[in-house]
């Protein structure tokens, strides 16, 4: 970037405000099937459209990747916005408040700005590279948990769609290993919330055995700026092309990696 990443944080925060207003004031409406047990609501499409319009106006030279509409704009540049209009749609359509808007700015494969808004919980997280992570105006930090048996760990949803049975054998095996070693296992239904709550210290680790940039980009930079380690399944630094998204407090990184290893060593690197 020619300017510090933080220079585009106000744009991301305004986009989150636009999205939050729509999510809070509209009912889900008709659902569109996206495959086996996957769907998008009318609100998903409305939020993404509104945010795209805003970003195109404010940052016309930056490409945009959205969950519902794919990628648009000049993809040869170094920067890319990644939008998840409603992360946790299944929760949203059932009036479960664990859902949110996620917007990350990615520079050459690594997120540098992120905003996560949880409309029904009244919280908005943000971070920019080298400036710290915040909820509202309060700076946040990952937990100081040092013992695996004291850890609360979130895992991503079980798989649906193609190869779900194979993928879920890995996820179920991981769940069993976690259940035998950590204090509690949680499945919240939103990768954005998982990562934001690692940043805030509500969770000690988040394990998502997939990496969809619209789900993870904002949460990755927020968790990192709060002091968490965020890696791929093999322990390498997490990037746009990683296969999984593993966020942990530093003291538990080795222990979590040891639990992951037996169940993920056969996962494809995609």
Protein backbone atom coordinates (compact mmCIF):
# COMPACT_ATOMS: atom_id res chain seq x y z
CA UNK A 1 0.00 0.00 0.00
CA UNK A 2 1.17 3.48 -0.66
CA UNK A 3 -0.33 4.64 2.63
CA UNK A 4 -0.44 2.94 6.01
CA UNK A 5 -3.18 0.29 6.18
CA UNK A 6 -4.88 2.28 8.92
CA UNK A 7 -5.69 4.98 6.36
CA UNK A 8 -8.46 2.75 4.97
CA UNK A 9 -9.80 1.68 8.33
CA UNK A 10 -12.41 4.51 8.40
CA UNK A 11 -13.75 3.23 5.08
CA UNK A 12 -14.11 -0.27 6.51
CA UNK A 13 -15.79 1.05 9.66
CA UNK A 14 -18.35 3.00 7.62
CA UNK A 15 -19.05 -0.10 5.52
CA UNK A 16 -19.71 -2.02 8.74
CA UNK A 17 -22.15 0.67 9.84
CA UNK A 18 -24.06 0.34 6.57
CA UNK A 19 -24.14 -3.45 6.90
CA UNK A 20 -25.17 -3.47 10.54
CA UNK A 21 -28.14 -1.19 9.91
CA UNK A 22 -29.42 -3.49 7.18
CA UNK A 23 -28.98 -6.68 9.19
CA UNK A 24 -30.71 -5.24 12.26
CA UNK A 25 -33.65 -3.72 10.43
CA UNK A 26 -34.57 -6.35 7.84
CA UNK A 27 -36.00 -9.84 8.12
CA UNK A 28 -34.07 -12.58 6.31
CA UNK A 29 -36.67 -12.84 3.52
CA UNK A 30 -36.57 -15.57 0.91
CA UNK A 31 -33.71 -18.06 1.05
CA UNK A 32 -31.67 -19.04 -1.98
CA UNK A 33 -30.14 -22.53 -2.00
CA UNK A 34 -26.40 -22.55 -2.70
CA UNK A 35 -25.88 -26.30 -2.54
CA UNK A 36 -26.28 -29.09 0.00
CA UNK A 37 -27.57 -27.50 3.22
CA UNK A 38 -26.14 -24.11 2.28
CA UNK A 39 -28.13 -20.95 1.64
CA UNK A 40 -28.17 -17.18 1.41
CA UNK A 41 -30.90 -14.86 2.59
CA UNK A 42 -32.20 -11.74 0.90
CA UNK A 43 -30.31 -9.79 3.53
CA UNK A 44 -27.01 -11.44 2.53
CA UNK A 45 -27.47 -10.14 -1.01
CA UNK A 46 -28.72 -6.71 0.10
CA UNK A 47 -25.80 -6.15 2.47
CA UNK A 48 -23.18 -7.25 -0.04
CA UNK A 49 -24.68 -5.06 -2.75
CA UNK A 50 -24.79 -1.99 -0.50
CA UNK A 51 -21.26 -2.48 0.76
CA UNK A 52 -19.92 -3.12 -2.74
CA UNK A 53 -21.48 0.11 -3.95
CA UNK A 54 -19.92 2.03 -1.08
CA UNK A 55 -16.47 0.49 -1.55
CA UNK A 56 -16.54 1.08 -5.30
CA UNK A 57 -17.28 4.75 -4.64
CA UNK A 58 -14.62 5.21 -1.95
CA UNK A 59 -11.91 2.87 -3.25
CA UNK A 60 -12.57 2.37 -6.98
CA UNK A 61 -9.14 0.91 -7.68
CA UNK A 62 -9.40 -1.94 -5.17
CA UNK A 63 -10.91 -5.25 -6.27
CA UNK A 64 -13.74 -6.75 -4.20
CA UNK A 65 -14.33 -10.40 -3.30
CA UNK A 66 -17.72 -11.20 -1.81
CA UNK A 67 -19.25 -14.47 -0.70
CA UNK A 68 -22.39 -13.99 -2.79
CA UNK A 69 -21.21 -12.17 -5.91
CA UNK A 70 -17.62 -13.35 -6.38
CA UNK A 71 -14.77 -11.10 -7.39
CA UNK A 72 -14.98 -7.83 -9.33
CA UNK A 73 -12.61 -5.03 -10.22
CA UNK A 74 -8.93 -4.94 -11.10
CA UNK A 75 -7.46 -8.17 -9.74
CA UNK A 76 -3.93 -7.29 -10.84
CA UNK A 77 -3.44 -4.87 -7.95
CA UNK A 78 -1.97 -5.64 -4.54
CA UNK A 79 -5.18 -4.97 -2.62
CA UNK A 80 -8.44 -6.85 -2.27
CA UNK A 81 -11.50 -6.28 -0.10
CA UNK A 82 -13.12 -9.51 1.19
CA UNK A 83 -16.77 -9.27 2.29
CA UNK A 84 -18.95 -11.69 4.19
CA UNK A 85 -22.30 -9.88 4.40
CA UNK A 86 -23.74 -12.21 7.05
CA UNK A 87 -21.30 -14.69 8.56
CA UNK A 88 -23.52 -17.24 10.24
CA UNK A 89 -26.54 -17.12 7.93
CA UNK A 90 -28.00 -20.30 9.43
CA UNK A 91 -27.98 -18.58 12.82
CA UNK A 92 -29.39 -15.36 11.38
CA UNK A 93 -32.41 -16.97 9.74
CA UNK A 94 -33.29 -18.71 13.04
CA UNK A 95 -32.92 -15.47 15.06
CA UNK A 96 -29.82 -16.80 16.83
CA UNK A 97 -27.78 -13.65 17.51
CA UNK A 98 -24.38 -15.25 16.78
CA UNK A 99 -23.87 -13.79 13.32
CA UNK A 100 -22.04 -10.81 11.93
CA UNK A 101 -20.63 -8.75 9.09
CA UNK A 102 -16.98 -9.25 8.18
CA UNK A 103 -14.81 -7.04 5.97
CA UNK A 104 -11.09 -7.52 5.48
CA UNK A 105 -8.56 -5.69 3.34
CA UNK A 106 -5.94 -8.08 1.98
CA UNK A 107 -2.55 -6.94 0.69
CA UNK A 108 -0.59 -9.49 -1.34
CA UNK A 109 -2.22 -12.41 0.43
CA UNK A 110 -2.21 -11.10 3.99
CA UNK A 111 -4.99 -9.15 5.71
CA UNK A 112 -3.96 -5.68 6.85
CA UNK A 113 -7.31 -4.16 7.92
CA UNK A 114 -10.32 -5.88 9.40
CA UNK A 115 -13.74 -5.00 10.81
CA UNK A 116 -16.25 -7.43 12.31
CA UNK A 117 -19.66 -6.14 13.38
CA UNK A 118 -22.02 -8.26 15.50
CA UNK A 119 -25.32 -6.39 15.05
CA UNK A 120 -27.38 -8.29 17.60
CA UNK A 121 -24.67 -8.21 20.27
CA UNK A 122 -23.90 -4.51 19.82
CA UNK A 123 -20.16 -5.00 19.32
CA UNK A 124 -17.81 -3.95 16.56
CA UNK A 125 -14.21 -5.14 16.36
CA UNK A 126 -11.51 -3.55 14.25
CA UNK A 127 -7.80 -3.67 13.61
CA UNK A 128 -5.19 -2.40 11.21
CA UNK A 129 -1.69 -3.74 10.83
CA UNK A 130 0.68 -2.54 13.57
CA UNK A 131 -1.99 -0.49 15.37
CA UNK A 132 -3.61 -3.02 17.72
CA UNK A 133 -7.06 -4.60 17.92
CA UNK A 134 -10.13 -2.95 19.40
CA UNK A 135 -13.74 -3.50 20.30
CA UNK A 136 -15.23 -0.04 20.01
CA UNK A 137 -12.63 2.25 21.56
CA UNK A 138 -11.23 -0.37 23.93
CA UNK A 139 -8.01 -2.12 23.05
CA UNK A 140 -8.23 -5.90 23.38
CA UNK A 141 -5.72 -8.67 23.95
CA UNK A 142 -5.75 -12.43 23.58
CA UNK A 143 -6.06 -14.43 26.79
CA UNK A 144 -3.16 -15.38 29.04
CA UNK A 145 -4.24 -19.02 29.36
CA UNK A 146 -1.21 -21.30 29.59
CA UNK A 147 -2.63 -24.76 30.32
CA UNK A 148 -4.59 -26.73 27.71
CA UNK A 149 -6.95 -28.13 30.34
CA UNK A 150 -8.11 -24.57 31.07
CA UNK A 151 -8.72 -23.68 27.44
CA UNK A 152 -12.04 -22.97 25.76
CA UNK A 153 -11.68 -23.82 22.07
CA UNK A 154 -14.08 -23.08 19.21
CA UNK A 155 -14.26 -25.29 16.16
CA UNK A 156 -15.75 -24.47 12.78
CA UNK A 157 -18.97 -25.96 11.50
CA UNK A 158 -19.03 -29.50 10.23
CA UNK A 159 -18.82 -29.72 6.45
CA UNK A 160 -21.74 -29.86 4.04
CA UNK A 161 -21.74 -30.39 0.31
CA UNK A 162 -19.10 -32.23 -1.70
CA UNK A 163 -16.95 -34.71 0.25
CA UNK A 164 -18.71 -33.76 3.49
CA UNK A 165 -18.53 -37.31 4.85
CA UNK A 166 -14.76 -37.51 4.38
CA UNK A 167 -14.17 -34.02 5.74
CA UNK A 168 -16.37 -34.67 8.76
CA UNK A 169 -14.49 -37.80 9.75
CA UNK A 170 -11.50 -35.49 10.25
CA UNK A 171 -13.59 -32.93 12.13
CA UNK A 172 -15.21 -35.50 14.40
CA UNK A 173 -11.84 -37.05 15.23
CA UNK A 174 -10.53 -33.59 16.10
CA UNK A 175 -13.58 -32.89 18.26
CA UNK A 176 -12.93 -36.09 20.20
CA UNK A 177 -9.30 -35.17 20.80
CA UNK A 178 -10.23 -31.68 21.93
CA UNK A 179 -12.98 -32.95 24.22
CA UNK A 180 -10.47 -35.21 25.96
CA UNK A 181 -7.93 -32.46 26.56
CA UNK A 182 -9.45 -28.96 26.82
CA UNK A 183 -11.88 -27.46 29.30
CA UNK A 184 -14.70 -26.93 26.81
CA UNK A 185 -15.34 -27.15 23.05
CA UNK A 186 -17.68 -24.66 21.37
CA UNK A 187 -19.23 -24.52 17.90
CA UNK A 188 -20.66 -21.02 17.46
CA UNK A 189 -21.45 -21.12 13.75
CA UNK A 190 -19.43 -18.06 12.70
CA UNK A 191 -15.72 -17.99 11.90
CA UNK A 192 -15.74 -14.22 12.32
CA UNK A 193 -17.03 -14.52 15.88
CA UNK A 194 -14.56 -17.30 16.67
CA UNK A 195 -11.61 -15.16 15.61
CA UNK A 196 -12.91 -11.96 17.22
CA UNK A 197 -13.44 -13.77 20.50
CA UNK A 198 -9.93 -15.22 20.42
CA UNK A 199 -8.76 -11.62 20.02
CA UNK A 200 -10.87 -10.48 22.97
CA UNK A 201 -9.83 -13.36 25.22
CA UNK A 202 -13.25 -14.99 25.39
CA UNK A 203 -11.80 -18.02 23.60
CA UNK A 204 -8.29 -19.43 23.81
CA UNK A 205 -8.22 -20.98 20.35
CA UNK A 206 -10.27 -21.20 17.18
CA UNK A 207 -9.89 -24.09 14.74
CA UNK A 208 -11.49 -23.78 11.31
CA UNK A 209 -10.50 -26.55 8.91
CA UNK A 210 -11.15 -24.37 5.88
CA UNK A 211 -10.17 -20.92 4.71
CA UNK A 212 -12.67 -18.81 2.85
CA UNK A 213 -11.17 -15.31 2.79
CA UNK A 214 -14.52 -13.56 3.21
CA UNK A 215 -15.02 -15.55 6.45
CA UNK A 216 -11.52 -15.18 7.84
CA UNK A 217 -9.62 -12.14 6.53
CA UNK A 218 -10.97 -9.61 9.03
CA UNK A 219 -10.74 -12.00 11.97
CA UNK A 220 -7.17 -12.99 11.14
CA UNK A 221 -5.81 -9.44 11.36
CA UNK A 222 -7.89 -8.67 14.45
CA UNK A 223 -6.63 -11.81 16.22
CA UNK A 224 -3.04 -11.15 15.20
CA UNK A 225 -3.13 -7.56 16.38
CA UNK A 226 -4.47 -8.81 19.72
CA UNK A 227 -1.45 -11.08 20.13
CA UNK A 228 -2.79 -14.42 18.90
CA UNK A 229 -0.89 -16.76 16.60
CA UNK A 230 -2.78 -17.43 13.35
CA UNK A 231 -1.49 -20.25 11.16
CA UNK A 232 -2.39 -22.82 8.56
CA UNK A 233 -2.99 -26.45 9.59
CA UNK A 234 0.74 -27.24 9.29
CA UNK A 235 1.86 -24.37 11.51
CA UNK A 236 3.00 -22.09 8.70
CA UNK A 237 1.91 -18.48 8.65
CA UNK A 238 -1.72 -18.04 7.61
CA UNK A 239 -2.31 -16.43 4.21
CA UNK A 240 -5.05 -16.07 1.61
CA UNK A 241 -4.10 -19.48 0.19
CA UNK A 242 -4.00 -21.42 3.46
CA UNK A 243 -6.12 -24.57 3.75
CA UNK A 244 -7.18 -23.95 7.36
CA UNK A 245 -7.38 -21.11 9.87
CA UNK A 246 -5.95 -21.87 13.31
CA UNK A 247 -5.83 -19.05 15.88
CA UNK A 248 -4.39 -19.67 19.34
CA UNK A 249 -2.97 -17.79 22.26
CA UNK A 250 0.83 -18.07 22.08
CA UNK A 251 1.22 -20.32 25.12
CA UNK A 252 -1.09 -22.97 23.64
CA UNK A 253 0.21 -22.98 20.05
CA UNK A 254 2.37 -26.11 20.46
CA UNK A 255 -0.33 -28.04 22.33
CA UNK A 256 -3.02 -27.19 19.79
CA UNK A 257 -0.70 -28.14 16.95
CA UNK A 258 -0.09 -31.52 18.59
CA UNK A 259 -3.85 -32.15 18.79
CA UNK A 260 -4.30 -31.15 15.17
CA UNK A 261 -1.51 -33.25 13.73
CA UNK A 262 -3.04 -36.76 13.91
CA UNK A 263 -6.35 -35.65 12.42
CA UNK A 264 -5.25 -33.19 9.75
CA UNK A 265 -2.10 -34.70 8.27
CA UNK A 266 -4.12 -36.14 5.38
CA UNK A 267 -5.99 -32.93 4.62
CA UNK A 268 -5.31 -31.64 1.11
CA UNK A 269 -3.36 -28.42 0.81
CA UNK A 270 -5.75 -26.24 -1.20
